Amino acid sequence: MNDSAHIDYARYDHIRPLLWTGDALELLDQRKLPFVVEHLHCDSSDTVAEAIHSLAVRGAPAIGIAAGWGVVLAARDIDADDGSAALQKLEPALLRLNADD
């Protein structure tokens, strides 16, 4: 018998690959799909970078959005007088998000 006839597709309609909670990013761990739906709690740019580099986040749109939220997480801890100074302080986080491992 064809197993695809028994898949409950409605079960997957609520799955969100990325969810901003207000203080952290919840990322769907795509390495565990389709058998397990598990989210990674990312509360720093380092944890977002690790999720991207470990392939927990896949696909250009999801990677780009996750990296953008990683910048938000890094920026919330920056104390700077102007935009230029803030960007200079953000550079290490941006490099980690972009690193080719």
PDB file of N, CA and C in Angstrom:
ATOM      1  N   MET A   1       0.841  -1.183   0.000  1.00  0.00           N
ATOM      2  CA  MET A   1       0.000   0.000   0.000  1.00  0.00           C
ATOM      3  C   MET A   1       0.882   1.240   0.000  1.00  0.00           C
ATOM      4  N   ASN A   2       0.440   2.273  -0.626  1.00  0.00           N
ATOM      5  CA  ASN A   2       1.179   3.529  -0.721  1.00  0.00           C
ATOM      6  C   ASN A   2       1.080   4.297   0.599  1.00  0.00           C
ATOM      7  N   ASP A   3       2.241   4.528   1.269  1.00  0.00           N
ATOM      8  CA  ASP A   3       2.254   5.224   2.553  1.00  0.00           C
ATOM      9  C   ASP A   3       1.818   6.676   2.439  1.00  0.00           C
ATOM     10  N   SER A   4       1.998   7.298   1.282  1.00  0.00           N
ATOM     11  CA  SER A   4       1.636   8.708   1.141  1.00  0.00           C
ATOM     12  C   SER A   4       0.134   8.922   1.272  1.00  0.00           C
ATOM     13  N   ALA A   5      -0.653   7.888   1.082  1.00  0.00           N
ATOM     14  CA  ALA A   5      -2.100   8.012   1.230  1.00  0.00           C
ATOM     15  C   ALA A   5      -2.497   8.203   2.692  1.00  0.00           C
ATOM     16  N   HIS A   6      -1.595   7.909   3.627  1.00  0.00           N
ATOM     17  CA  HIS A   6      -1.903   7.991   5.056  1.00  0.00           C
ATOM     18  C   HIS A   6      -1.262   9.192   5.735  1.00  0.00           C
ATOM     19  N   ILE A   7      -0.694  10.110   4.995  1.00  0.00           N
ATOM     20  CA  ILE A   7      -0.054  11.291   5.578  1.00  0.00           C
ATOM     21  C   ILE A   7      -1.119  12.325   5.914  1.00  0.00           C
ATOM     22  N   ASP A   8      -1.081  12.831   7.134  1.00  0.00           N
ATOM     23  CA  ASP A   8      -2.001  13.880   7.577  1.00  0.00           C
ATOM     24  C   ASP A   8      -1.366  15.232   7.268  1.00  0.00           C
ATOM     25  N   TYR A   9      -1.617  15.756   6.074  1.00  0.00           N
ATOM     26  CA  TYR A   9      -0.983  16.999   5.641  1.00  0.00           C
ATOM     27  C   TYR A   9      -1.409  18.195   6.482  1.00  0.00           C
ATOM     28  N   ALA A  10      -2.601  18.184   7.042  1.00  0.00           N
ATOM     29  CA  ALA A  10      -3.071  19.295   7.880  1.00  0.00           C
ATOM     30  C   ALA A  10      -2.183  19.466   9.106  1.00  0.00           C
ATOM     31  N   ARG A  11      -1.560  18.399   9.545  1.00  0.00           N
ATOM     32  CA  ARG A  11      -0.667  18.450  10.710  1.00  0.00           C
ATOM     33  C   ARG A  11       0.493  19.418  10.477  1.00  0.00           C
ATOM     34  N   TYR A  12       0.915  19.561   9.248  1.00  0.00           N
ATOM     35  CA  TYR A  12       2.095  20.355   8.939  1.00  0.00           C
ATOM     36  C   TYR A  12       1.775  21.807   8.575  1.00  0.00           C
ATOM     37  N   ASP A  13       0.516  22.160   8.499  1.00  0.00           N
ATOM     38  CA  ASP A  13       0.148  23.529   8.140  1.00  0.00           C
ATOM     39  C   ASP A  13       0.567  24.550   9.185  1.00  0.00           C
ATOM     40  N   HIS A  14       0.782  24.146  10.405  1.00  0.00           N
ATOM     41  CA  HIS A  14       1.131  25.073  11.485  1.00  0.00           C
ATOM     42  C   HIS A  14       2.642  25.221  11.691  1.00  0.00           C
ATOM     43  N   ILE A  15       3.430  24.496  10.961  1.00  0.00           N
ATOM     44  CA  ILE A  15       4.879  24.526  11.150  1.00  0.00           C
ATOM     45  C   ILE A  15       5.445  25.827  10.588  1.00  0.00           C
ATOM     46  N   ARG A  16       6.219  26.508  11.389  1.00  0.00           N
ATOM     47  CA  ARG A  16       6.861  27.756  10.980  1.00  0.00           C
ATOM     48  C   ARG A  16       8.371  27.559  11.019  1.00  0.00           C
ATOM     49  N   PRO A  17       9.071  27.824   9.915  1.00  0.00           N
ATOM     50  CA  PRO A  17      10.521  27.623   9.910  1.00  0.00           C
ATOM     51  C   PRO A  17      11.268  28.632  10.770  1.00  0.00           C
ATOM     52  N   LEU A  18      10.709  29.839  10.934  1.00  0.00           N
ATOM     53  CA  LEU A  18      11.333  30.867  11.769  1.00  0.00           C
ATOM     54  C   LEU A  18      10.235  31.562  12.561  1.00  0.00           C
ATOM     55  N   LEU A  19      10.511  31.821  13.832  1.00  0.00           N
ATOM     56  CA  LEU A  19       9.547  32.524  14.666  1.00  0.00           C
ATOM     57  C   LEU A  19      10.292  33.461  15.604  1.00  0.00           C
ATOM     58  N   TRP A  20      10.039  34.756  15.487  1.00  0.00           N
ATOM     59  CA  TRP A  20      10.622  35.754  16.386  1.00  0.00           C
ATOM     60  C   TRP A  20       9.707  35.865  17.594  1.00  0.00           C
ATOM     61  N   THR A  21      10.260  35.678  18.793  1.00  0.00           N
ATOM     62  CA  THR A  21       9.454  35.698  20.012  1.00  0.00           C
ATOM     63  C   THR A  21       9.493  37.041  20.719  1.00  0.00           C
ATOM     64  N   GLY A  22      10.292  37.959  20.236  1.00  0.00           N
ATOM     65  CA  GLY A  22      10.434  39.255  20.882  1.00  0.00           C
ATOM     66  C   GLY A  22      11.781  39.409  21.547  1.00  0.00           C
ATOM     67  N   ASP A  23      12.359  38.294  21.970  1.00  0.00           N
ATOM     68  CA  ASP A  23      13.696  38.345  22.564  1.00  0.00           C
ATOM     69  C   ASP A  23      14.610  37.244  22.047  1.00  0.00           C
ATOM     70  N   ALA A  24      14.080  36.382  21.202  1.00  0.00           N
ATOM     71  CA  ALA A  24      14.878  35.283  20.653  1.00  0.00           C
ATOM     72  C   ALA A  24      14.250  34.832  19.334  1.00  0.00           C
ATOM     73  N   LEU A  25      15.004  34.041  18.614  1.00  0.00           N
ATOM     74  CA  LEU A  25      14.552  33.471  17.349  1.00  0.00           C
ATOM     75  C   LEU A  25      14.426  31.967  17.529  1.00  0.00           C
ATOM     76  N   GLU A  26      13.279  31.429  17.170  1.00  0.00           N
ATOM     77  CA  GLU A  26      13.065  29.986  17.186  1.00  0.00           C
ATOM     78  C   GLU A  26      13.190  29.502  15.745  1.00  0.00           C
ATOM     79  N   LEU A  27      14.139  28.613  15.504  1.00  0.00           N
ATOM     80  CA  LEU A  27      14.402  28.109  14.152  1.00  0.00           C
ATOM     81  C   LEU A  27      14.043  26.634  14.060  1.00  0.00           C
ATOM     82  N   LEU A  28      13.295  26.282  13.044  1.00  0.00           N
ATOM     83  CA  LEU A  28      12.985  24.886  12.794  1.00  0.00           C
ATOM     84  C   LEU A  28      14.277  24.162  12.430  1.00  0.00           C
ATOM     85  N   ASP A  29      14.583  23.096  13.160  1.00  0.00           N
ATOM     86  CA  ASP A  29      15.789  22.315  12.870  1.00  0.00           C
ATOM     87  C   ASP A  29      15.480  21.391  11.700  1.00  0.00           C
ATOM     88  N   GLN A  30      15.839  21.828  10.506  1.00  0.00           N
ATOM     89  CA  GLN A  30      15.485  21.097   9.295  1.00  0.00           C
ATOM     90  C   GLN A  30      16.284  19.810   9.118  1.00  0.00           C
ATOM     91  N   ARG A  31      17.322  19.619   9.929  1.00  0.00           N
ATOM     92  CA  ARG A  31      18.091  18.369   9.854  1.00  0.00           C
ATOM     93  C   ARG A  31      17.263  17.193  10.346  1.00  0.00           C
ATOM     94  N   LYS A  32      16.267  17.464  11.173  1.00  0.00           N
ATOM     95  CA  LYS A  32      15.492  16.394  11.803  1.00  0.00           C
ATOM     96  C   LYS A  32      14.186  16.079  11.083  1.00  0.00           C
ATOM     97  N   LEU A  33      13.872  16.881  10.084  1.00  0.00           N
ATOM     98  CA  LEU A  33      12.647  16.638   9.319  1.00  0.00           C
ATOM     99  C   LEU A  33      12.804  15.404   8.446  1.00  0.00           C
ATOM    100  N   PRO A  34      11.796  14.674   8.107  1.00  0.00           N
ATOM    101  CA  PRO A  34      10.392  14.892   8.415  1.00  0.00           C
ATOM    102  C   PRO A  34       9.912  14.175   9.669  1.00  0.00           C
ATOM    103  N   PHE A  35      10.813  13.528  10.380  1.00  0.00           N
ATOM    104  CA  PHE A  35      10.395  12.666  11.481  1.00  0.00           C
ATOM    105  C   PHE A  35      10.167  13.400  12.792  1.00  0.00           C
ATOM    106  N   VAL A  36      10.897  14.482  13.004  1.00  0.00           N
ATOM    107  CA  VAL A  36      10.800  15.234  14.254  1.00  0.00           C
ATOM    108  C   VAL A  36      10.661  16.716  13.930  1.00  0.00           C
ATOM    109  N   VAL A  37       9.726  17.366  14.596  1.00  0.00           N
ATOM    110  CA  VAL A  37       9.588  18.820  14.482  1.00  0.00           C
ATOM    111  C   VAL A  37      10.149  19.416  15.764  1.00  0.00           C
ATOM    112  N   GLU A  38      11.328  20.010  15.632  1.00  0.00           N
ATOM    113  CA  GLU A  38      12.018  20.575  16.794  1.00  0.00           C
ATOM    114  C   GLU A  38      12.558  21.948  16.415  1.00  0.00           C
ATOM    115  N   HIS A  39      12.461  22.880  17.339  1.00  0.00           N
ATOM    116  CA  HIS A  39      12.959  24.233  17.103  1.00  0.00           C
ATOM    117  C   HIS A  39      14.191  24.502  17.950  1.00  0.00           C
ATOM    118  N   LEU A  40      15.115  25.249  17.390  1.00  0.00           N
ATOM    119  CA  LEU A  40      16.309  25.680  18.107  1.00  0.00           C
ATOM    120  C   LEU A  40      16.054  27.069  18.664  1.00  0.00           C
ATOM    121  N   HIS A  41      16.346  27.268  19.930  1.00  0.00           N
ATOM    122  CA  HIS A  41      16.187  28.573  20.576  1.00  0.00           C
ATOM    123  C   HIS A  41      17.486  29.348  20.384  1.00  0.00           C
ATOM    124  N   CYS A  42      17.414  30.434  19.633  1.00  0.00           N
ATOM    125  CA  CYS A  42      18.595  31.253  19.348  1.00  0.00           C
ATOM    126  C   CYS A  42      18.417  32.610  20.009  1.00  0.00           C
ATOM    127  N   ASP A  43      19.235  32.875  21.021  1.00  0.00           N
ATOM    128  CA  ASP A  43      19.122  34.148  21.731  1.00  0.00           C
ATOM    129  C   ASP A  43      20.350  35.024  21.538  1.00  0.00           C
ATOM    130  N   SER A  44      21.191  34.660  20.563  1.00  0.00           N
ATOM    131  CA  SER A  44      22.373  35.467  20.244  1.00  0.00           C
ATOM    132  C   SER A  44      22.721  35.264  18.772  1.00  0.00           C
ATOM    133  N   SER A  45      23.519  36.185  18.255  1.00  0.00           N
ATOM    134  CA  SER A  45      23.949  36.032  16.862  1.00  0.00           C
ATOM    135  C   SER A  45      24.828  34.793  16.701  1.00  0.00           C
ATOM    136  N   ASP A  46      25.546  34.427  17.754  1.00  0.00           N
ATOM    137  CA  ASP A  46      26.389  33.225  17.684  1.00  0.00           C
ATOM    138  C   ASP A  46      25.550  31.961  17.507  1.00  0.00           C
ATOM    139  N   THR A  47      24.425  31.861  18.223  1.00  0.00           N
ATOM    140  CA  THR A  47      23.592  30.662  18.090  1.00  0.00           C
ATOM    141  C   THR A  47      22.905  30.622  16.726  1.00  0.00           C
ATOM    142  N   VAL A  48      22.568  31.785  16.181  1.00  0.00           N
ATOM    143  CA  VAL A  48      22.000  31.828  14.828  1.00  0.00           C
ATOM    144  C   VAL A  48      23.058  31.397  13.813  1.00  0.00           C
ATOM    145  N   ALA A  49      24.273  31.910  13.952  1.00  0.00           N
ATOM    146  CA  ALA A  49      25.357  31.532  13.042  1.00  0.00           C
ATOM    147  C   ALA A  49      25.609  30.027  13.100  1.00  0.00           C
ATOM    148  N   GLU A  50      25.608  29.466  14.293  1.00  0.00           N
ATOM    149  CA  GLU A  50      25.816  28.020  14.439  1.00  0.00           C
ATOM    150  C   GLU A  50      24.695  27.239  13.751  1.00  0.00           C
ATOM    151  N   ALA A  51      23.462  27.693  13.892  1.00  0.00           N
ATOM    152  CA  ALA A  51      22.334  27.017  13.240  1.00  0.00           C
ATOM    153  C   ALA A  51      22.481  27.050  11.719  1.00  0.00           C
ATOM    154  N   ILE A  52      22.920  28.178  11.192  1.00  0.00           N
ATOM    155  CA  ILE A  52      23.110  28.298   9.745  1.00  0.00           C
ATOM    156  C   ILE A  52      24.252  27.399   9.277  1.00  0.00           C
ATOM    157  N   HIS A  53      25.376  27.446   9.967  1.00  0.00           N
ATOM    158  CA  HIS A  53      26.557  26.684   9.538  1.00  0.00           C
ATOM    159  C   HIS A  53      26.394  25.178   9.725  1.00  0.00           C
ATOM    160  N   SER A  54      25.540  24.769  10.671  1.00  0.00           N
ATOM    161  CA  SER A  54      25.322  23.338  10.888  1.00  0.00           C
ATOM    162  C   SER A  54      24.205  22.789  10.001  1.00  0.00           C
ATOM    163  N   LEU A  55      23.676  23.640   9.120  1.00  0.00           N
ATOM    164  CA  LEU A  55      22.614  23.285   8.177  1.00  0.00           C
ATOM    165  C   LEU A  55      21.285  22.967   8.851  1.00  0.00           C
ATOM    166  N   ALA A  56      21.075  23.490  10.062  1.00  0.00           N
ATOM    167  CA  ALA A  56      19.762  23.379  10.687  1.00  0.00           C
ATOM    168  C   ALA A  56      18.769  24.251   9.936  1.00  0.00           C
ATOM    169  N   VAL A  57      19.269  25.327   9.328  1.00  0.00           N
ATOM    170  CA  VAL A  57      18.461  26.223   8.500  1.00  0.00           C
ATOM    171  C   VAL A  57      18.901  26.000   7.060  1.00  0.00           C
ATOM    172  N   ARG A  58      17.937  25.739   6.193  1.00  0.00           N
ATOM    173  CA  ARG A  58      18.272  25.451   4.794  1.00  0.00           C
ATOM    174  C   ARG A  58      17.410  26.279   3.850  1.00  0.00           C
ATOM    175  N   GLY A  59      17.972  26.559   2.705  1.00  0.00           N
ATOM    176  CA  GLY A  59      17.267  27.331   1.686  1.00  0.00           C
ATOM    177  C   GLY A  59      17.615  28.800   1.799  1.00  0.00           C
ATOM    178  N   ALA A  60      17.897  29.405   0.659  1.00  0.00           N
ATOM    179  CA  ALA A  60      18.360  30.795   0.649  1.00  0.00           C
ATOM    180  C   ALA A  60      17.421  31.757   1.371  1.00  0.00           C
ATOM    181  N   PRO A  61      16.101  31.686   1.168  1.00  0.00           N
ATOM    182  CA  PRO A  61      15.239  32.632   1.885  1.00  0.00           C
ATOM    183  C   PRO A  61      15.319  32.466   3.401  1.00  0.00           C
ATOM    184  N   ALA A  62      15.260  31.236   3.883  1.00  0.00           N
ATOM    185  CA  ALA A  62      15.315  31.000   5.330  1.00  0.00           C
ATOM    186  C   ALA A  62      16.663  31.410   5.907  1.00  0.00           C
ATOM    187  N   ILE A  63      17.737  31.135   5.185  1.00  0.00           N
ATOM    188  CA  ILE A  63      19.070  31.526   5.656  1.00  0.00           C
ATOM    189  C   ILE A  63      19.180  33.041   5.723  1.00  0.00           C
ATOM    190  N   GLY A  64      18.702  33.730   4.695  1.00  0.00           N
ATOM    191  CA  GLY A  64      18.762  35.188   4.683  1.00  0.00           C
ATOM    192  C   GLY A  64      17.953  35.814   5.805  1.00  0.00           C
ATOM    193  N   ILE A  65      16.755  35.289   6.043  1.00  0.00           N
ATOM    194  CA  ILE A  65      15.913  35.825   7.116  1.00  0.00           C
ATOM    195  C   ILE A  65      16.531  35.528   8.473  1.00  0.00           C
ATOM    196  N   ALA A  66      17.044  34.309   8.663  1.00  0.00           N
ATOM    197  CA  ALA A  66      17.691  33.964   9.935  1.00  0.00           C
ATOM    198  C   ALA A  66      18.899  34.860  10.178  1.00  0.00           C
ATOM    199  N   ALA A  67      19.698  35.092   9.145  1.00  0.00           N
ATOM    200  CA  ALA A  67      20.872  35.963   9.294  1.00  0.00           C
ATOM    201  C   ALA A  67      20.449  37.384   9.656  1.00  0.00           C
ATOM    202  N   GLY A  68      19.371  37.860   9.052  1.00  0.00           N
ATOM    203  CA  GLY A  68      18.858  39.190   9.389  1.00  0.00           C
ATOM    204  C   GLY A  68      18.464  39.293  10.851  1.00  0.00           C
ATOM    205  N   TRP A  69      17.783  38.275  11.365  1.00  0.00           N
ATOM    206  CA  TRP A  69      17.433  38.269  12.788  1.00  0.00           C
ATOM    207  C   TRP A  69      18.677  38.100  13.653  1.00  0.00           C
ATOM    208  N   GLY A  70      19.696  37.416  13.133  1.00  0.00           N
ATOM    209  CA  GLY A  70      20.962  37.331  13.864  1.00  0.00           C
ATOM    210  C   GLY A  70      21.590  38.697  14.047  1.00  0.00           C
ATOM    211  N   VAL A  71      21.480  39.533  13.021  1.00  0.00           N
ATOM    212  CA  VAL A  71      21.985  40.911  13.123  1.00  0.00           C
ATOM    213  C   VAL A  71      21.178  41.679  14.172  1.00  0.00           C
ATOM    214  N   VAL A  72      19.870  41.475  14.196  1.00  0.00           N
ATOM    215  CA  VAL A  72      19.028  42.127  15.213  1.00  0.00           C
ATOM    216  C   VAL A  72      19.480  41.714  16.609  1.00  0.00           C
ATOM    217  N   LEU A  73      19.731  40.421  16.801  1.00  0.00           N
ATOM    218  CA  LEU A  73      20.180  39.942  18.110  1.00  0.00           C
ATOM    219  C   LEU A  73      21.521  40.550  18.492  1.00  0.00           C
ATOM    220  N   ALA A  74      22.416  40.687  17.530  1.00  0.00           N
ATOM    221  CA  ALA A  74      23.723  41.292  17.816  1.00  0.00           C
ATOM    222  C   ALA A  74      23.577  42.781  18.098  1.00  0.00           C
ATOM    223  N   ALA A  75      22.706  43.449  17.360  1.00  0.00           N
ATOM    224  CA  ALA A  75      22.568  44.906  17.476  1.00  0.00           C
ATOM    225  C   ALA A  75      21.949  45.337  18.797  1.00  0.00           C
ATOM    226  N   ARG A  76      21.142  44.480  19.395  1.00  0.00           N
ATOM    227  CA  ARG A  76      20.481  44.905  20.637  1.00  0.00           C
ATOM    228  C   ARG A  76      21.461  45.125  21.781  1.00  0.00           C
ATOM    229  N   ASP A  77      22.651  44.581  21.672  1.00  0.00           N
ATOM    230  CA  ASP A  77      23.659  44.750  22.721  1.00  0.00           C
ATOM    231  C   ASP A  77      24.689  45.824  22.384  1.00  0.00           C
ATOM    232  N   ILE A  78      24.524  46.491  21.262  1.00  0.00           N
ATOM    233  CA  ILE A  78      25.481  47.505  20.822  1.00  0.00           C
ATOM    234  C   ILE A  78      25.137  48.851  21.448  1.00  0.00           C
ATOM    235  N   ASP A  79      26.145  49.479  22.027  1.00  0.00           N
ATOM    236  CA  ASP A  79      26.000  50.833  22.558  1.00  0.00           C
ATOM    237  C   ASP A  79      26.886  51.736  21.709  1.00  0.00           C
ATOM    238  N   ALA A  80      26.260  52.577  20.896  1.00  0.00           N
ATOM    239  CA  ALA A  80      27.021  53.449  19.992  1.00  0.00           C
ATOM    240  C   ALA A  80      26.301  54.785  19.851  1.00  0.00           C
ATOM    241  N   ASP A  81      27.085  55.808  19.538  1.00  0.00           N
ATOM    242  CA  ASP A  81      26.533  57.156  19.393  1.00  0.00           C
ATOM    243  C   ASP A  81      25.896  57.405  18.030  1.00  0.00           C
ATOM    244  N   ASP A  82      26.325  56.664  17.010  1.00  0.00           N
ATOM    245  CA  ASP A  82      25.763  56.877  15.679  1.00  0.00           C
ATOM    246  C   ASP A  82      25.781  55.569  14.891  1.00  0.00           C
ATOM    247  N   GLY A  83      25.167  55.602  13.722  1.00  0.00           N
ATOM    248  CA  GLY A  83      25.061  54.407  12.896  1.00  0.00           C
ATOM    249  C   GLY A  83      26.393  53.844  12.461  1.00  0.00           C
ATOM    250  N   SER A  84      27.331  54.718  12.136  1.00  0.00           N
ATOM    251  CA  SER A  84      28.649  54.267  11.691  1.00  0.00           C
ATOM    252  C   SER A  84      29.368  53.504  12.798  1.00  0.00           C
ATOM    253  N   ALA A  85      29.320  54.035  14.006  1.00  0.00           N
ATOM    254  CA  ALA A  85      29.961  53.361  15.140  1.00  0.00           C
ATOM    255  C   ALA A  85      29.266  52.035  15.438  1.00  0.00           C
ATOM    256  N   ALA A  86      27.947  52.011  15.317  1.00  0.00           N
ATOM    257  CA  ALA A  86      27.200  50.776  15.560  1.00  0.00           C
ATOM    258  C   ALA A  86      27.589  49.702  14.552  1.00  0.00           C
ATOM    259  N   LEU A  87      27.700  50.075  13.277  1.00  0.00           N
ATOM    260  CA  LEU A  87      28.085  49.101  12.252  1.00  0.00           C
ATOM    261  C   LEU A  87      29.489  48.561  12.486  1.00  0.00           C
ATOM    262  N   GLN A  88      30.403  49.410  12.927  1.00  0.00           N
ATOM    263  CA  GLN A  88      31.761  48.944  13.223  1.00  0.00           C
ATOM    264  C   GLN A  88      31.738  47.929  14.361  1.00  0.00           C
ATOM    265  N   LYS A  89      30.916  48.172  15.363  1.00  0.00           N
ATOM    266  CA  LYS A  89      30.830  47.235  16.483  1.00  0.00           C
ATOM    267  C   LYS A  89      30.113  45.946  16.094  1.00  0.00           C
ATOM    268  N   LEU A  90      29.257  46.010  15.083  1.00  0.00           N
ATOM    269  CA  LEU A  90      28.538  44.829  14.612  1.00  0.00           C
ATOM    270  C   LEU A  90      29.374  43.948  13.689  1.00  0.00           C
ATOM    271  N   GLU A  91      30.465  44.463  13.172  1.00  0.00           N
ATOM    272  CA  GLU A  91      31.245  43.738  12.169  1.00  0.00           C
ATOM    273  C   GLU A  91      31.621  42.313  12.584  1.00  0.00           C
ATOM    274  N   PRO A  92      32.096  42.063  13.810  1.00  0.00           N
ATOM    275  CA  PRO A  92      32.433  40.674  14.165  1.00  0.00           C
ATOM    276  C   PRO A  92      31.240  39.722  14.052  1.00  0.00           C
ATOM    277  N   ALA A  93      30.064  40.168  14.474  1.00  0.00           N
ATOM    278  CA  ALA A  93      28.872  39.318  14.370  1.00  0.00           C
ATOM    279  C   ALA A  93      28.509  39.074  12.911  1.00  0.00           C
ATOM    280  N   LEU A  94      28.623  40.101  12.091  1.00  0.00           N
ATOM    281  CA  LEU A  94      28.317  39.951  10.667  1.00  0.00           C
ATOM    282  C   LEU A  94      29.265  38.963  10.001  1.00  0.00           C
ATOM    283  N   LEU A  95      30.525  38.997  10.386  1.00  0.00           N
ATOM    284  CA  LEU A  95      31.502  38.062   9.819  1.00  0.00           C
ATOM    285  C   LEU A  95      31.199  36.631  10.238  1.00  0.00           C
ATOM    286  N   ARG A  96      30.769  36.425  11.486  1.00  0.00           N
ATOM    287  CA  ARG A  96      30.415  35.071  11.936  1.00  0.00           C
ATOM    288  C   ARG A  96      29.210  34.543  11.163  1.00  0.00           C
ATOM    289  N   LEU A  97      28.239  35.410  10.905  1.00  0.00           N
ATOM    290  CA  LEU A  97      27.057  34.985  10.156  1.00  0.00           C
ATOM    291  C   LEU A  97      27.390  34.663   8.705  1.00  0.00           C
ATOM    292  N   ASN A  98      28.454  35.245   8.175  1.00  0.00           N
ATOM    293  CA  ASN A  98      28.827  35.080   6.776  1.00  0.00           C
ATOM    294  C   ASN A  98      29.961  34.078   6.570  1.00  0.00           C
ATOM    295  N   ALA A  99      30.550  33.570   7.630  1.00  0.00           N
ATOM    296  CA  ALA A  99      31.749  32.730   7.517  1.00  0.00           C
ATOM    297  C   ALA A  99      31.489  31.491   6.667  1.00  0.00           C
ATOM    298  N   ASP A 100      32.444  31.173   5.824  1.00  0.00           N
ATOM    299  CA  ASP A 100      32.397  29.952   5.022  1.00  0.00           C
ATOM    300  C   ASP A 100      33.211  28.890   5.738  1.00  0.00           C
ATOM    301  N   ASP A 101      32.519  27.928   6.310  1.00  0.00           N
ATOM    302  CA  ASP A 101      33.205  26.849   7.045  1.00  0.00           C
ATOM    303  C   ASP A 101      33.321  25.624   6.188  1.00  0.00           C
TER     304      ASP A 101
END
